[in-house]
Structure formats: C-alpha cells, structure tokens
Amino acid sequence: MKQITITLLVFFTMSMAFAQDKYQMKKINYFVDAAQKEFNLNKNQTKELLDNRTAYFNDYQKVFSAAKNGEISQSEKKTQVNEVNNKFNKYFNELTGKTWDELKQFNDRVREEMKEL
C-alpha cells in the first residue's frame, strides 16, 4: 500500500510539473506568434525569438526559485528580475526595431490576452 501511495504521489507531482511546463510553453508560443504577426518577423527571427523568450522564462523561474528556497534575499530577487527583464527587453527592442513605448503597448496587450489561455 505504501508503494502504491508513493507511486501515485510521484506520478501526480510529475503530471503537475508537465502540465505547468505545457501551459508555460503555450504562453511562450502565443507571445512569439503575436510578435511575429505584429512585427512581421521572418522565420529566422521567429525562431530566435522563441529561443530567447524560452530562455527569458527559464531565467525568470530560476530567480523566483532561488528566492523561494532562501538562496537570495528579496532585494536580490528584485535586482535579478530587473536584470532578466532588461536583458530580454533590450533583445526584443533590437529584434523589432521598435521604441520602448511601442513594445510596452504590445506587451501590455499580449499579457492581457494570455490571461485568457
């Protein structure tokens, strides 16, 4: 009985992690698709954006996990999150050639749309 319980617990935990990853990939893909349409990105730019957006999400998650585990302080978390955001925003600005205000409008709109996913 104990082995069955442990097996079910492991299965449930892995299922939840997979579902979360799948949900995050859905959001990443939605962002990339919206950017491709909005800014007329070519295939190579779209692939590069997908890679960078995925890396952005992974870096963001690492910072939050480190803060949650007590590896970094809340002020360090804030600093590191800002660094991750600034790195991606600089890349996105260079990729699209758009101003910060234009990208902010796009980001705000897409962020709201992704809440419906």
N, C-alpha and C. Protein backbone atom coordinates (compact mmCIF):
# COMPACT_ATOMS: atom_id res chain seq x y z
N MET A 1 0.82 -1.19 0.00
CA MET A 1 0.00 0.00 0.00
C MET A 1 0.87 1.26 0.00
N LYS A 2 1.96 1.20 0.77
CA LYS A 2 2.86 2.33 0.87
C LYS A 2 3.50 2.63 -0.50
N GLN A 3 3.88 1.57 -1.23
CA GLN A 3 4.48 1.76 -2.54
C GLN A 3 3.49 2.34 -3.54
N ILE A 4 2.25 1.94 -3.45
CA ILE A 4 1.22 2.48 -4.34
C ILE A 4 1.03 3.96 -4.07
N THR A 5 0.99 4.33 -2.80
CA THR A 5 0.82 5.73 -2.43
C THR A 5 1.99 6.57 -2.93
N ILE A 6 3.20 6.07 -2.73
CA ILE A 6 4.39 6.79 -3.19
C ILE A 6 4.39 6.90 -4.72
N THR A 7 4.05 5.82 -5.39
CA THR A 7 3.99 5.84 -6.85
C THR A 7 2.97 6.85 -7.34
N LEU A 8 1.80 6.88 -6.73
CA LEU A 8 0.77 7.85 -7.12
C LEU A 8 1.22 9.28 -6.85
N LEU A 9 1.89 9.48 -5.74
CA LEU A 9 2.38 10.81 -5.40
C LEU A 9 3.41 11.29 -6.42
N VAL A 10 4.34 10.42 -6.78
CA VAL A 10 5.35 10.76 -7.79
C VAL A 10 4.68 11.04 -9.12
N PHE A 11 3.76 10.20 -9.52
CA PHE A 11 3.05 10.39 -10.79
C PHE A 11 2.29 11.72 -10.79
N PHE A 12 1.60 12.01 -9.71
CA PHE A 12 0.84 13.26 -9.61
C PHE A 12 1.77 14.46 -9.70
N THR A 13 2.89 14.41 -8.98
CA THR A 13 3.85 15.51 -8.99
C THR A 13 4.42 15.73 -10.39
N MET A 14 4.78 14.64 -11.05
CA MET A 14 5.32 14.76 -12.41
C MET A 14 4.26 15.27 -13.38
N SER A 15 3.03 14.84 -13.21
CA SER A 15 1.94 15.30 -14.07
C SER A 15 1.71 16.79 -13.91
N MET A 16 1.77 17.27 -12.68
CA MET A 16 1.58 18.69 -12.43
C MET A 16 2.73 19.50 -13.03
N ALA A 17 3.94 19.03 -12.90
CA ALA A 17 5.10 19.73 -13.46
C ALA A 17 4.99 19.77 -14.99
N PHE A 18 4.59 18.64 -15.59
CA PHE A 18 4.45 18.60 -17.04
C PHE A 18 3.34 19.54 -17.49
N ALA A 19 2.22 19.56 -16.79
CA ALA A 19 1.11 20.43 -17.14
C ALA A 19 1.53 21.89 -17.04
N GLN A 20 2.29 22.23 -16.00
CA GLN A 20 2.76 23.60 -15.83
C GLN A 20 3.70 23.98 -16.97
N ASP A 21 4.63 23.09 -17.32
CA ASP A 21 5.54 23.35 -18.42
C ASP A 21 4.77 23.52 -19.74
N LYS A 22 3.79 22.68 -19.94
CA LYS A 22 2.99 22.75 -21.16
C LYS A 22 2.22 24.08 -21.22
N TYR A 23 1.69 24.51 -20.09
CA TYR A 23 0.97 25.78 -20.02
C TYR A 23 1.92 26.95 -20.31
N GLN A 24 3.12 26.90 -19.73
CA GLN A 24 4.09 27.98 -19.96
C GLN A 24 4.52 28.01 -21.42
N MET A 25 4.72 26.85 -22.03
CA MET A 25 5.08 26.81 -23.44
C MET A 25 3.95 27.37 -24.31
N LYS A 26 2.73 27.13 -23.91
CA LYS A 26 1.58 27.68 -24.64
C LYS A 26 1.64 29.21 -24.59
N LYS A 27 1.96 29.76 -23.43
CA LYS A 27 2.07 31.21 -23.29
C LYS A 27 3.25 31.76 -24.08
N ILE A 28 4.38 31.05 -24.03
CA ILE A 28 5.56 31.49 -24.78
C ILE A 28 5.24 31.49 -26.28
N ASN A 29 4.64 30.41 -26.76
CA ASN A 29 4.28 30.33 -28.18
C ASN A 29 3.28 31.40 -28.58
N TYR A 30 2.34 31.69 -27.71
CA TYR A 30 1.36 32.74 -28.00
C TYR A 30 2.07 34.08 -28.17
N PHE A 31 2.98 34.39 -27.26
CA PHE A 31 3.74 35.64 -27.33
C PHE A 31 4.52 35.72 -28.64
N VAL A 32 5.22 34.64 -28.98
CA VAL A 32 6.04 34.62 -30.19
C VAL A 32 5.17 34.76 -31.44
N ASP A 33 4.05 34.06 -31.49
CA ASP A 33 3.15 34.16 -32.64
C ASP A 33 2.60 35.58 -32.79
N ALA A 34 2.22 36.17 -31.66
CA ALA A 34 1.69 37.54 -31.70
C ALA A 34 2.76 38.51 -32.18
N ALA A 35 3.99 38.34 -31.71
CA ALA A 35 5.09 39.22 -32.12
C ALA A 35 5.40 39.03 -33.61
N GLN A 36 5.36 37.79 -34.06
CA GLN A 36 5.64 37.51 -35.47
C GLN A 36 4.64 38.24 -36.36
N LYS A 37 3.37 38.21 -35.98
CA LYS A 37 2.33 38.87 -36.76
C LYS A 37 2.42 40.39 -36.64
N GLU A 38 2.62 40.87 -35.44
CA GLU A 38 2.64 42.31 -35.17
C GLU A 38 3.83 43.01 -35.85
N PHE A 39 4.99 42.36 -35.81
CA PHE A 39 6.22 42.99 -36.28
C PHE A 39 6.76 42.38 -37.58
N ASN A 40 5.96 41.51 -38.22
CA ASN A 40 6.34 40.90 -39.49
C ASN A 40 7.72 40.24 -39.43
N LEU A 41 7.91 39.39 -38.45
CA LEU A 41 9.20 38.72 -38.29
C LEU A 41 9.32 37.58 -39.29
N ASN A 42 10.53 37.37 -39.80
CA ASN A 42 10.75 36.25 -40.71
C ASN A 42 10.96 34.97 -39.89
N LYS A 43 11.14 33.86 -40.58
CA LYS A 43 11.25 32.55 -39.91
C LYS A 43 12.44 32.51 -38.94
N ASN A 44 13.59 33.03 -39.37
CA ASN A 44 14.77 33.01 -38.51
C ASN A 44 14.57 33.90 -37.28
N GLN A 45 13.98 35.06 -37.47
CA GLN A 45 13.72 35.95 -36.34
C GLN A 45 12.73 35.32 -35.37
N THR A 46 11.73 34.65 -35.91
CA THR A 46 10.73 33.99 -35.07
C THR A 46 11.36 32.88 -34.25
N LYS A 47 12.22 32.08 -34.86
CA LYS A 47 12.92 31.02 -34.14
C LYS A 47 13.82 31.60 -33.06
N GLU A 48 14.53 32.65 -33.39
CA GLU A 48 15.41 33.31 -32.43
C GLU A 48 14.60 33.88 -31.26
N LEU A 49 13.44 34.47 -31.57
CA LEU A 49 12.58 35.00 -30.52
C LEU A 49 12.07 33.88 -29.62
N LEU A 50 11.69 32.76 -30.20
CA LEU A 50 11.23 31.62 -29.41
C LEU A 50 12.33 31.16 -28.45
N ASP A 51 13.54 31.05 -28.96
CA ASP A 51 14.66 30.64 -28.10
C ASP A 51 14.90 31.65 -26.99
N ASN A 52 14.88 32.93 -27.32
CA ASN A 52 15.14 33.97 -26.32
C ASN A 52 14.00 34.10 -25.31
N ARG A 53 12.78 33.94 -25.77
CA ARG A 53 11.64 34.03 -24.84
C ARG A 53 11.65 32.84 -23.88
N THR A 54 12.01 31.66 -24.37
CA THR A 54 12.11 30.48 -23.52
C THR A 54 13.22 30.67 -22.49
N ALA A 55 14.37 31.17 -22.94
CA ALA A 55 15.48 31.44 -22.02
C ALA A 55 15.08 32.49 -20.99
N TYR A 56 14.35 33.51 -21.42
CA TYR A 56 13.85 34.54 -20.51
C TYR A 56 12.98 33.92 -19.42
N PHE A 57 12.06 33.07 -19.83
CA PHE A 57 11.18 32.43 -18.85
C PHE A 57 11.98 31.56 -17.88
N ASN A 58 12.92 30.79 -18.41
CA ASN A 58 13.73 29.92 -17.55
C ASN A 58 14.57 30.72 -16.56
N ASP A 59 15.16 31.82 -17.03
CA ASP A 59 15.95 32.68 -16.14
C ASP A 59 15.06 33.29 -15.06
N TYR A 60 13.88 33.70 -15.45
CA TYR A 60 12.90 34.29 -14.52
C TYR A 60 12.52 33.28 -13.44
N GLN A 61 12.26 32.04 -13.87
CA GLN A 61 11.91 30.98 -12.93
C GLN A 61 13.05 30.67 -11.97
N LYS A 62 14.28 30.67 -12.46
CA LYS A 62 15.44 30.41 -11.61
C LYS A 62 15.55 31.44 -10.49
N VAL A 63 15.30 32.70 -10.82
CA VAL A 63 15.37 33.76 -9.81
C VAL A 63 14.29 33.53 -8.76
N PHE A 64 13.06 33.24 -9.19
CA PHE A 64 11.98 33.02 -8.23
C PHE A 64 12.22 31.78 -7.37
N SER A 65 12.76 30.73 -7.97
CA SER A 65 13.07 29.52 -7.20
C SER A 65 14.16 29.80 -6.17
N ALA A 66 15.18 30.54 -6.56
CA ALA A 66 16.27 30.87 -5.64
C ALA A 66 15.74 31.69 -4.47
N ALA A 67 14.85 32.61 -4.75
CA ALA A 67 14.26 33.43 -3.67
C ALA A 67 13.38 32.57 -2.77
N LYS A 68 12.60 31.71 -3.37
CA LYS A 68 11.71 30.84 -2.59
C LYS A 68 12.49 29.90 -1.68
N ASN A 69 13.64 29.42 -2.17
CA ASN A 69 14.47 28.50 -1.41
C ASN A 69 15.40 29.21 -0.42
N GLY A 70 15.33 30.54 -0.38
CA GLY A 70 16.15 31.30 0.55
C GLY A 70 17.59 31.48 0.10
N GLU A 71 17.87 31.17 -1.16
CA GLU A 71 19.23 31.30 -1.67
C GLU A 71 19.60 32.76 -1.93
N ILE A 72 18.60 33.59 -2.19
CA ILE A 72 18.83 35.02 -2.39
C ILE A 72 17.77 35.79 -1.59
N SER A 73 18.10 37.03 -1.25
CA SER A 73 17.17 37.87 -0.50
C SER A 73 16.13 38.47 -1.44
N GLN A 74 15.11 39.09 -0.86
CA GLN A 74 14.08 39.72 -1.67
C GLN A 74 14.64 40.89 -2.48
N SER A 75 15.59 41.62 -1.92
CA SER A 75 16.19 42.72 -2.70
C SER A 75 17.04 42.17 -3.84
N GLU A 76 17.74 41.05 -3.60
CA GLU A 76 18.50 40.41 -4.68
C GLU A 76 17.54 39.88 -5.75
N LYS A 77 16.42 39.35 -5.32
CA LYS A 77 15.41 38.85 -6.25
C LYS A 77 14.95 39.99 -7.16
N LYS A 78 14.64 41.12 -6.56
CA LYS A 78 14.17 42.26 -7.34
C LYS A 78 15.23 42.71 -8.35
N THR A 79 16.48 42.78 -7.90
CA THR A 79 17.57 43.18 -8.78
C THR A 79 17.74 42.19 -9.92
N GLN A 80 17.72 40.91 -9.60
CA GLN A 80 17.92 39.88 -10.63
C GLN A 80 16.75 39.82 -11.60
N VAL A 81 15.53 39.99 -11.11
CA VAL A 81 14.36 40.01 -12.01
C VAL A 81 14.47 41.19 -12.97
N ASN A 82 14.89 42.35 -12.45
CA ASN A 82 15.07 43.52 -13.32
C ASN A 82 16.13 43.25 -14.38
N GLU A 83 17.21 42.57 -14.01
CA GLU A 83 18.26 42.24 -14.98
C GLU A 83 17.73 41.32 -16.06
N VAL A 84 16.96 40.30 -15.66
CA VAL A 84 16.37 39.36 -16.62
C VAL A 84 15.42 40.11 -17.56
N ASN A 85 14.57 40.95 -17.00
CA ASN A 85 13.63 41.73 -17.81
C ASN A 85 14.36 42.66 -18.77
N ASN A 86 15.36 43.37 -18.26
CA ASN A 86 16.09 44.33 -19.10
C ASN A 86 16.82 43.63 -20.24
N LYS A 87 17.40 42.46 -19.95
CA LYS A 87 18.10 41.70 -20.98
C LYS A 87 17.14 41.31 -22.11
N PHE A 88 15.97 40.78 -21.74
CA PHE A 88 15.01 40.39 -22.78
C PHE A 88 14.47 41.61 -23.51
N ASN A 89 14.13 42.66 -22.79
CA ASN A 89 13.58 43.85 -23.42
C ASN A 89 14.57 44.49 -24.39
N LYS A 90 15.85 44.50 -24.04
CA LYS A 90 16.88 45.03 -24.94
C LYS A 90 16.94 44.19 -26.21
N TYR A 91 16.94 42.87 -26.04
CA TYR A 91 16.95 41.97 -27.19
C TYR A 91 15.72 42.21 -28.07
N PHE A 92 14.55 42.28 -27.46
CA PHE A 92 13.29 42.43 -28.20
C PHE A 92 13.27 43.77 -28.94
N ASN A 93 13.78 44.80 -28.31
CA ASN A 93 13.87 46.12 -28.94
C ASN A 93 14.77 46.06 -30.17
N GLU A 94 15.92 45.40 -30.05
CA GLU A 94 16.85 45.28 -31.18
C GLU A 94 16.25 44.42 -32.30
N LEU A 95 15.54 43.37 -31.92
CA LEU A 95 14.94 42.48 -32.92
C LEU A 95 13.89 43.20 -33.75
N THR A 96 13.03 43.94 -33.07
CA THR A 96 11.90 44.56 -33.76
C THR A 96 12.22 45.95 -34.32
N GLY A 97 13.19 46.62 -33.72
CA GLY A 97 13.49 47.99 -34.13
C GLY A 97 12.43 48.98 -33.66
N LYS A 98 11.62 48.58 -32.70
CA LYS A 98 10.55 49.42 -32.18
C LYS A 98 10.99 50.15 -30.92
N THR A 99 10.31 51.24 -30.63
CA THR A 99 10.61 52.01 -29.42
C THR A 99 10.06 51.28 -28.20
N TRP A 100 10.54 51.70 -27.03
CA TRP A 100 10.06 51.11 -25.79
C TRP A 100 8.55 51.29 -25.65
N ASP A 101 8.02 52.47 -26.03
CA ASP A 101 6.58 52.72 -25.91
C ASP A 101 5.77 51.78 -26.80
N GLU A 102 6.25 51.54 -28.01
CA GLU A 102 5.56 50.63 -28.91
C GLU A 102 5.59 49.20 -28.35
N LEU A 103 6.72 48.81 -27.82
CA LEU A 103 6.83 47.46 -27.25
C LEU A 103 6.00 47.33 -25.98
N LYS A 104 5.93 48.39 -25.19
CA LYS A 104 5.12 48.36 -23.97
C LYS A 104 3.66 48.15 -24.31
N GLN A 105 3.17 48.84 -25.32
CA GLN A 105 1.78 48.66 -25.75
C GLN A 105 1.54 47.21 -26.19
N PHE A 106 2.47 46.67 -26.96
CA PHE A 106 2.36 45.29 -27.41
C PHE A 106 2.38 44.34 -26.21
N ASN A 107 3.36 44.51 -25.32
CA ASN A 107 3.48 43.65 -24.15
C ASN A 107 2.24 43.70 -23.26
N ASP A 108 1.73 44.89 -23.03
CA ASP A 108 0.53 45.04 -22.19
C ASP A 108 -0.66 44.33 -22.82
N ARG A 109 -0.82 44.50 -24.13
CA ARG A 109 -1.95 43.86 -24.82
C ARG A 109 -1.82 42.34 -24.78
N VAL A 110 -0.65 41.84 -25.10
CA VAL A 110 -0.45 40.39 -25.15
C VAL A 110 -0.56 39.78 -23.76
N ARG A 111 -0.05 40.48 -22.75
CA ARG A 111 -0.15 39.98 -21.37
C ARG A 111 -1.62 39.80 -20.98
N GLU A 112 -2.46 40.74 -21.35
CA GLU A 112 -3.90 40.62 -21.07
C GLU A 112 -4.52 39.46 -21.85
N GLU A 113 -4.15 39.31 -23.11
CA GLU A 113 -4.68 38.22 -23.91
C GLU A 113 -4.26 36.86 -23.36
N MET A 114 -3.04 36.77 -22.85
CA MET A 114 -2.54 35.49 -22.33
C MET A 114 -3.25 35.07 -21.05
N LYS A 115 -3.89 36.00 -20.36
CA LYS A 115 -4.64 35.64 -19.17
C LYS A 115 -5.82 34.74 -19.52
N GLU A 116 -6.25 34.80 -20.76
CA GLU A 116 -7.39 34.00 -21.22
C GLU A 116 -6.99 32.59 -21.66
N LEU A 117 -5.69 32.32 -21.74
CA LEU A 117 -5.24 31.00 -22.19
C LEU A 117 -5.47 29.94 -21.14
